Amino acid sequence: MQAIISLALSFLVFTFGSLLVAIQIASGQLTPRIIATTLLRDNVIRFTVGLFIFTLLFAIGAISRVNSSAPAAIVWISAALGVLSLAAFLYLIDHSARLLRPVSIIHSVAEQGFTVIKSVYPERWRESVGPLQVRDVPGKADEVVLHAGSSDIILAVDVKSLLSQASRTDGVVELAARVGDFVACGQPLFRLYGGARTISPSELSSSVAFGRERTIEQDPTFAFWVIVDIATKALSKAINDATTAVMAIDQLHRLLTTVGGRDLRNEYLRDGAGRLRVIFPTPDWEDFVQLTCREIRIYGADNLQIARRLHAMIDILENVLPESRRQALRAERDLLDRMIDKAYLLPEDAALARIADMQGLGGSVNE
């Protein structure tokens, strides 16, 4: 029993100590946002630490209730937990080494982004669907509800609750900020139209969750933001890791392909009768394209790998996405070409930077 207690305690100390150092290094080289979005959400780490703690408490509880010997069943259970803890510890070392690689972190964030995108934009893109008619858009608000709580960031919104409240009062509720926006105390939070002005501010505020740091649950741009953070840090002069930035663009390419195929026009929510009830601001296509391309272009256009990989991404997206998505992509290509003209002194280098390459350098060339 004492050996199992020592084993479990050693595993806990080593696990927490090594993970703390690894998290500090990874957050410094990639981005601090990965701590909340990836590492703290990893179930393998959770279950392994839980097993260590359970083994430790089980052995302590057993040894404290006996004098000289313990029942055979208790001894065998403790031994099994000790062996299982040893196997889990060895697996955790390998899992942590793979988890903290840049490609694993970026891929994990992208997978979470796919889930959020499909949740926020459930419908696929249809060219036949038109925008909301101008006559349906409400005019001046009958009442403005100010944020009365602490100054924080909007983490999530209970849209179904707002839709129910607006339908019940036969009015329209407009959220004055988007998920991910910072809202200061006294800043407009809701605009109410028609019968919605009878809804109490506390009832409306209870539909919005606030926090000090953005989360990914209802924020479709947050995954883009984290991956762009990783790419721009990799392109900094202190790190200068263009390969990591290319891997980040690979995942941004996947995310943009998914976003481009979704119907982003869900800002206006209607009831069962087709009447407008809730105005819930969400990012549009230009927001996603600019978030993906602008910072990486500014920090990495003078790197051949980044310029060529951005060109490849834009070219492929232009070919696979609907026509309505292409104008924003063409604008980004034009900005990239103009940036290349300023960044490269030799025309041969500038011509090479304009060649689309999925690998950045040395890969397949898209003519």
Protein backbone atom coordinates (compact mmCIF):
# COMPACT_ATOMS: atom_id res chain seq x y z
CA MET A 1 0.00 0.00 0.00
CA GLN A 2 2.79 2.39 0.87
CA ALA A 3 4.53 1.59 -2.41
CA ILE A 4 1.34 2.33 -4.37
CA ILE A 5 0.89 5.61 -2.47
CA SER A 6 4.47 6.64 -3.29
CA LEU A 7 3.99 5.60 -6.94
CA ALA A 8 0.77 7.57 -7.40
CA LEU A 9 2.16 10.62 -5.63
CA SER A 10 5.28 10.57 -7.81
CA PHE A 11 3.15 10.32 -10.94
CA LEU A 12 1.06 13.31 -9.88
CA VAL A 13 4.06 15.48 -9.05
CA PHE A 14 5.89 14.60 -12.26
CA THR A 15 2.76 14.99 -14.40
CA PHE A 16 1.83 18.42 -13.07
CA GLY A 17 5.44 19.64 -13.09
CA SER A 18 6.22 18.49 -16.63
CA LEU A 19 2.89 19.68 -18.03
CA LEU A 20 3.37 23.09 -16.45
CA VAL A 21 6.78 23.50 -18.09
CA ALA A 22 5.51 22.13 -21.42
CA ILE A 23 2.48 24.44 -21.40
CA GLN A 24 4.68 27.47 -20.71
CA ILE A 25 7.01 26.59 -23.58
CA ALA A 26 4.18 25.81 -26.00
CA SER A 27 2.22 28.95 -25.13
CA GLY A 28 5.36 31.05 -25.55
CA GLN A 29 6.21 29.60 -28.96
CA LEU A 30 2.63 29.30 -30.28
CA THR A 31 -0.01 31.34 -28.42
CA PRO A 32 -1.31 31.51 -24.83
CA ARG A 33 -4.83 30.83 -26.15
CA ILE A 34 -4.00 27.14 -26.64
CA ILE A 35 -4.06 26.61 -22.86
CA ALA A 36 -7.83 27.09 -22.68
CA THR A 37 -8.76 25.89 -26.18
CA THR A 38 -6.70 22.69 -26.33
CA LEU A 39 -4.68 21.61 -23.32
CA LEU A 40 -7.33 22.07 -20.63
CA ARG A 41 -9.90 20.31 -22.83
CA ASP A 42 -7.82 17.20 -23.48
CA ASN A 43 -9.65 14.17 -22.07
CA VAL A 44 -6.55 11.98 -21.89
CA ILE A 45 -4.89 14.40 -19.46
CA ARG A 46 -8.11 14.68 -17.44
CA PHE A 47 -8.68 10.93 -17.17
CA THR A 48 -5.04 10.14 -16.41
CA VAL A 49 -4.79 12.69 -13.61
CA GLY A 50 -8.13 11.47 -12.29
CA LEU A 51 -6.79 7.88 -12.23
CA PHE A 52 -3.69 8.95 -10.32
CA ILE A 53 -5.75 10.82 -7.72
CA PHE A 54 -8.22 7.94 -7.34
CA THR A 55 -5.39 5.43 -6.89
CA LEU A 56 -3.73 7.64 -4.30
CA LEU A 57 -6.93 8.21 -2.31
CA PHE A 58 -7.95 4.55 -2.54
CA ALA A 59 -4.62 3.37 -1.16
CA ILE A 60 -4.59 6.00 1.60
CA GLY A 61 -8.17 5.13 2.56
CA ALA A 62 -7.38 1.41 2.65
CA ILE A 63 -4.20 1.70 4.70
CA SER A 64 -5.84 4.03 7.20
CA ARG A 65 -8.59 1.49 7.98
CA VAL A 66 -6.43 -1.57 8.71
CA ASN A 67 -3.87 -2.32 11.41
CA SER A 68 -1.58 -5.10 10.22
CA SER A 69 -3.19 -6.65 7.13
CA ALA A 70 -5.82 -5.87 4.55
CA PRO A 71 -8.41 -8.08 2.82
CA ALA A 72 -7.07 -9.82 -0.28
CA ALA A 73 -9.62 -8.05 -2.53
CA ILE A 74 -8.41 -4.63 -1.39
CA VAL A 75 -4.79 -5.61 -2.00
CA TRP A 76 -5.55 -6.89 -5.51
CA ILE A 77 -7.59 -3.81 -6.39
CA SER A 78 -4.79 -1.55 -5.19
CA ALA A 79 -2.22 -3.53 -7.15
CA ALA A 80 -4.37 -3.34 -10.30
CA LEU A 81 -4.76 0.41 -9.88
CA GLY A 82 -1.00 0.75 -9.42
CA VAL A 83 -0.24 -1.20 -12.61
CA LEU A 84 -2.94 0.73 -14.51
CA SER A 85 -1.47 4.02 -13.26
CA LEU A 86 1.99 2.99 -14.46
CA ALA A 87 0.63 2.15 -17.94
CA ALA A 88 -1.38 5.39 -18.04
CA PHE A 89 1.70 7.39 -17.03
CA LEU A 90 3.77 5.91 -19.86
CA TYR A 91 0.94 6.58 -22.32
CA LEU A 92 0.55 10.14 -21.05
CA ILE A 93 4.21 10.91 -21.76
CA ASP A 94 3.81 9.82 -25.40
CA HIS A 95 0.43 11.54 -25.75
CA SER A 96 1.71 14.84 -24.33
CA ALA A 97 4.69 14.82 -26.68
CA ARG A 98 2.36 14.39 -29.67
CA LEU A 99 -0.26 16.80 -28.33
CA LEU A 100 2.16 19.71 -27.91
CA ARG A 101 3.49 19.56 -31.48
CA PRO A 102 2.44 22.62 -33.50
CA VAL A 103 0.62 20.54 -36.11
CA SER A 104 -1.42 18.77 -33.40
CA ILE A 105 -2.36 22.03 -31.69
CA ILE A 106 -3.37 23.71 -34.95
CA HIS A 107 -5.38 20.69 -36.10
CA SER A 108 -7.18 20.44 -32.75
CA VAL A 109 -8.19 24.12 -32.85
CA ALA A 110 -9.37 23.73 -36.46
CA GLU A 111 -11.54 20.72 -35.57
CA GLN A 112 -13.21 22.73 -32.82
CA GLY A 113 -13.70 25.52 -35.36
CA PHE A 114 -15.52 23.16 -37.75
CA THR A 115 -17.95 22.19 -35.00
CA VAL A 116 -18.71 25.82 -34.13
CA ILE A 117 -19.11 26.86 -37.78
CA LYS A 118 -21.64 24.09 -38.43
CA SER A 119 -23.48 25.04 -35.23
CA VAL A 120 -23.64 28.80 -35.90
CA TYR A 121 -24.26 28.40 -39.66
CA PRO A 122 -26.33 25.20 -39.97
CA GLU A 123 -27.56 25.80 -43.52
CA ARG A 124 -25.50 25.25 -46.64
CA TRP A 125 -25.10 28.10 -49.15
CA ARG A 126 -27.86 28.57 -51.72
CA GLU A 127 -27.62 31.28 -54.35
CA SER A 128 -31.41 31.39 -54.65
CA VAL A 129 -31.86 32.66 -51.08
CA GLY A 130 -32.04 36.44 -51.05
CA PRO A 131 -31.19 38.90 -48.30
CA LEU A 132 -33.75 40.28 -45.88
CA GLN A 133 -36.05 42.83 -47.47
CA VAL A 134 -35.34 46.43 -46.47
CA ARG A 135 -38.96 46.91 -45.38
CA ASP A 136 -38.52 44.11 -42.81
CA VAL A 137 -35.57 45.78 -41.09
CA PRO A 138 -36.79 47.79 -38.07
CA GLY A 139 -36.05 51.50 -37.87
CA LYS A 140 -35.18 53.44 -34.74
CA ALA A 141 -35.22 51.39 -31.54
CA ASP A 142 -38.08 52.01 -29.11
CA GLU A 143 -35.81 51.27 -26.17
CA VAL A 144 -32.10 50.61 -25.61
CA VAL A 145 -30.98 48.31 -22.79
CA LEU A 146 -27.55 49.13 -21.37
CA HIS A 147 -25.14 46.58 -19.96
CA ALA A 148 -25.36 46.82 -16.17
CA GLY A 149 -22.87 44.12 -15.18
CA SER A 150 -19.09 44.07 -15.13
CA SER A 151 -17.18 44.97 -18.28
CA ASP A 152 -16.53 41.61 -19.96
CA ILE A 153 -16.57 39.73 -23.25
CA ILE A 154 -19.69 38.09 -24.66
CA LEU A 155 -19.04 34.34 -24.60
CA ALA A 156 -22.40 32.92 -25.68
CA VAL A 157 -26.01 33.91 -26.31
CA ASP A 158 -29.16 31.89 -25.71
CA VAL A 159 -30.75 32.72 -29.05
CA LYS A 160 -33.73 30.42 -28.48
CA SER A 161 -34.61 32.30 -25.29
CA LEU A 162 -34.43 35.66 -27.06
CA LEU A 163 -36.58 34.32 -29.90
CA SER A 164 -39.15 33.06 -27.39
CA GLN A 165 -39.25 36.37 -25.52
CA ALA A 166 -39.60 38.40 -28.72
CA SER A 167 -42.39 36.14 -30.02
CA ARG A 168 -44.24 36.29 -26.71
CA THR A 169 -44.28 40.11 -26.72
CA ASP A 170 -44.76 40.44 -30.50
CA GLY A 171 -41.61 42.54 -30.90
CA VAL A 172 -38.04 42.44 -32.18
CA VAL A 173 -34.92 42.04 -30.05
CA GLU A 174 -31.56 43.15 -31.47
CA LEU A 175 -28.28 42.23 -29.82
CA ALA A 176 -26.08 45.31 -30.08
CA ALA A 177 -22.79 43.36 -30.02
CA ARG A 178 -21.43 40.11 -31.42
CA VAL A 179 -20.18 37.05 -29.59
CA GLY A 180 -16.52 37.80 -28.81
CA ASP A 181 -17.05 41.56 -28.44
CA PHE A 182 -15.98 43.40 -25.30
CA VAL A 183 -18.92 45.18 -23.69
CA ALA A 184 -18.21 47.90 -21.13
CA CYS A 185 -20.57 48.75 -18.31
CA GLY A 186 -23.13 51.29 -19.59
CA GLN A 187 -22.66 50.28 -23.24
CA PRO A 188 -25.78 49.38 -25.31
CA LEU A 189 -26.45 45.65 -25.13
CA PHE A 190 -29.94 45.31 -26.63
CA ARG A 191 -32.16 47.38 -28.90
CA LEU A 192 -35.85 46.66 -28.54
CA TYR A 193 -38.61 47.25 -31.08
CA GLY A 194 -42.38 47.08 -30.69
CA GLY A 195 -43.71 44.92 -27.89
CA ALA A 196 -40.21 43.73 -26.95
CA ARG A 197 -39.73 46.92 -24.91
CA THR A 198 -41.88 45.31 -22.19
CA ILE A 199 -39.26 42.61 -21.58
CA SER A 200 -37.35 43.26 -18.36
CA PRO A 201 -33.61 44.04 -18.71
CA SER A 202 -32.74 41.27 -16.25
CA GLU A 203 -34.59 38.71 -18.34
CA LEU A 204 -32.74 39.82 -21.45
CA SER A 205 -29.35 39.91 -19.73
CA SER A 206 -29.81 36.38 -18.43
CA SER A 207 -29.69 35.19 -22.05
CA VAL A 208 -26.09 36.40 -22.48
CA ALA A 209 -23.03 34.78 -20.88
CA PHE A 210 -20.04 37.01 -20.12
CA GLY A 211 -16.44 36.20 -19.28
CA ARG A 212 -12.95 37.67 -19.23
CA GLU A 213 -11.58 35.64 -22.14
CA ARG A 214 -13.07 34.59 -25.45
CA THR A 215 -14.12 30.96 -25.85
CA ILE A 216 -14.79 28.91 -28.92
CA GLU A 217 -18.29 27.56 -28.16
CA GLN A 218 -20.33 30.16 -30.12
CA ASP A 219 -17.53 32.25 -31.60
CA PRO A 220 -16.85 31.08 -35.19
CA THR A 221 -13.98 33.53 -35.71
CA PHE A 222 -12.11 32.49 -32.55
CA ALA A 223 -10.59 29.38 -34.15
CA PHE A 224 -9.35 31.57 -37.03
CA TRP A 225 -7.98 34.07 -34.52
CA VAL A 226 -6.01 31.43 -32.59
CA ILE A 227 -4.52 29.86 -35.72
CA VAL A 228 -3.60 33.27 -37.17
CA ASP A 229 -1.97 34.07 -33.82
CA ILE A 230 0.18 30.94 -34.16
CA ALA A 231 1.11 31.82 -37.73
CA THR A 232 2.07 35.43 -36.99
CA LYS A 233 4.14 34.42 -33.97
CA ALA A 234 5.93 31.82 -36.09
CA LEU A 235 6.71 34.57 -38.63
CA SER A 236 8.18 36.89 -36.01
CA LYS A 237 11.89 37.68 -36.30
CA ALA A 238 12.53 36.03 -32.94
CA ILE A 239 11.15 32.64 -34.04
CA ASN A 240 11.24 32.75 -37.88
CA ASP A 241 9.45 29.41 -38.37
CA ALA A 242 7.80 29.67 -41.78
CA THR A 243 6.98 25.95 -41.90
CA THR A 244 4.68 26.25 -38.87
CA ALA A 245 3.01 29.24 -40.53
CA VAL A 246 2.42 27.15 -43.67
CA MET A 247 0.79 24.44 -41.56
CA ALA A 248 -1.42 27.10 -40.01
CA ILE A 249 -2.47 28.29 -43.48
CA ASP A 250 -3.33 24.67 -44.36
CA GLN A 251 -5.92 24.60 -41.56
CA LEU A 252 -7.17 28.11 -42.35
CA HIS A 253 -7.64 26.90 -45.93
CA ARG A 254 -9.84 24.05 -44.66
CA LEU A 255 -11.85 26.37 -42.43
CA LEU A 256 -12.41 28.93 -45.19
CA THR A 257 -13.58 26.19 -47.55
CA THR A 258 -16.16 25.14 -44.97
CA VAL A 259 -17.28 28.71 -44.21
CA GLY A 260 -17.57 29.52 -47.90
CA GLY A 261 -20.00 26.65 -48.34
CA ARG A 262 -22.30 27.72 -45.49
CA ASP A 263 -25.15 30.22 -45.53
CA LEU A 264 -23.82 33.14 -43.47
CA ARG A 265 -27.04 35.13 -43.73
CA ASN A 266 -28.57 34.00 -40.44
CA GLU A 267 -28.32 37.37 -38.72
CA TYR A 268 -32.11 37.82 -38.90
CA LEU A 269 -34.08 35.13 -37.06
CA ARG A 270 -37.80 34.64 -37.64
CA ASP A 271 -40.60 32.87 -35.80
CA GLY A 272 -42.75 30.08 -37.20
CA ALA A 273 -44.97 32.58 -39.03
CA GLY A 274 -41.99 34.14 -40.83
CA ARG A 275 -41.96 37.39 -38.85
CA LEU A 276 -38.63 38.93 -37.86
CA ARG A 277 -37.99 38.45 -34.13
CA VAL A 278 -34.26 38.53 -33.33
CA ILE A 279 -31.32 40.34 -34.90
CA PHE A 280 -28.21 38.41 -33.91
CA PRO A 281 -25.01 39.83 -35.51
CA THR A 282 -22.64 37.19 -36.88
CA PRO A 283 -19.44 37.46 -38.97
CA ASP A 284 -19.86 37.61 -42.74
CA TRP A 285 -17.64 36.20 -45.50
CA GLU A 286 -15.44 39.29 -45.74
CA ASP A 287 -14.74 39.10 -42.00
CA PHE A 288 -13.45 35.54 -42.32
CA VAL A 289 -11.34 36.27 -45.41
CA GLN A 290 -9.75 39.37 -43.93
CA LEU A 291 -9.07 37.64 -40.62
CA THR A 292 -7.37 34.79 -42.47
CA CYS A 293 -5.24 36.77 -44.92
CA ARG A 294 -4.46 40.28 -43.70
CA GLU A 295 -2.12 39.75 -40.74
CA ILE A 296 -0.36 36.76 -42.28
CA ARG A 297 0.19 38.75 -45.47
CA ILE A 298 1.56 41.76 -43.57
CA TYR A 299 3.98 39.69 -41.51
CA GLY A 300 4.86 37.04 -44.09
CA ALA A 301 4.62 38.44 -47.62
CA ASP A 302 8.43 38.79 -47.72
CA ASN A 303 8.74 35.04 -47.12
CA LEU A 304 8.55 32.92 -50.27
CA GLN A 305 6.77 30.03 -48.54
CA ILE A 306 4.01 32.25 -47.16
CA ALA A 307 3.44 34.22 -50.36
CA ARG A 308 3.22 31.08 -52.49
CA ARG A 309 0.98 29.23 -50.01
CA LEU A 310 -1.41 32.20 -49.76
CA HIS A 311 -1.58 32.35 -53.54
CA ALA A 312 -2.41 28.63 -53.68
CA MET A 313 -5.13 28.99 -51.07
CA ILE A 314 -6.78 31.92 -52.84
CA ASP A 315 -6.61 30.23 -56.26
CA ILE A 316 -8.20 27.00 -55.02
CA LEU A 317 -10.92 28.79 -53.06
CA GLU A 318 -11.79 30.82 -56.15
CA ASN A 319 -12.27 27.61 -58.11
CA VAL A 320 -14.38 25.70 -55.59
CA LEU A 321 -16.54 28.39 -53.94
CA PRO A 322 -19.61 30.17 -55.38
CA GLU A 323 -19.19 33.31 -57.47
CA SER A 324 -20.45 35.55 -54.67
CA ARG A 325 -17.44 34.55 -52.57
CA ARG A 326 -14.81 35.44 -55.15
CA GLN A 327 -14.74 39.23 -54.92
CA ALA A 328 -13.21 39.20 -51.42
CA LEU A 329 -10.66 36.61 -52.54
CA ARG A 330 -9.66 38.69 -55.58
CA ALA A 331 -9.18 41.71 -53.34
CA GLU A 332 -6.81 39.71 -51.11
CA ARG A 333 -4.85 38.44 -54.13
CA ASP A 334 -4.46 41.99 -55.40
CA LEU A 335 -3.19 43.16 -52.01
CA LEU A 336 -0.78 40.22 -51.85
CA ASP A 337 0.64 40.97 -55.31
CA ARG A 338 1.11 44.63 -54.43
CA MET A 339 2.83 43.64 -51.19
CA ILE A 340 5.15 41.30 -53.10
CA ASP A 341 6.14 44.16 -55.43
CA LYS A 342 7.27 46.19 -52.42
CA ALA A 343 8.89 43.34 -50.47
CA TYR A 344 11.22 41.87 -53.11
CA LEU A 345 14.09 43.81 -54.66
CA LEU A 346 14.80 41.29 -57.41
CA PRO A 347 12.14 40.68 -60.07
CA GLU A 348 13.07 36.99 -60.18
CA ASP A 349 12.19 36.61 -56.49
CA ALA A 350 8.95 38.50 -56.98
CA ALA A 351 7.99 36.25 -59.89
CA LEU A 352 8.77 33.17 -57.79
CA ALA A 353 6.66 34.50 -54.90
CA ARG A 354 3.63 34.81 -57.20
CA ILE A 355 3.66 31.11 -58.10
CA ALA A 356 1.02 29.18 -56.19
CA ASP A 357 2.44 26.28 -54.19
CA MET A 358 0.51 24.16 -51.68
CA GLN A 359 3.72 23.37 -49.78
CA GLY A 360 5.14 26.86 -49.89
CA LEU A 361 8.33 25.78 -51.60
CA GLY A 362 9.15 22.54 -53.39
CA GLY A 363 5.58 21.33 -53.71
CA SER A 364 3.05 21.04 -56.49
CA VAL A 365 2.57 24.21 -58.50
CA ASN A 366 -0.95 25.35 -59.40
CA GLU A 367 -0.90 27.13 -62.70
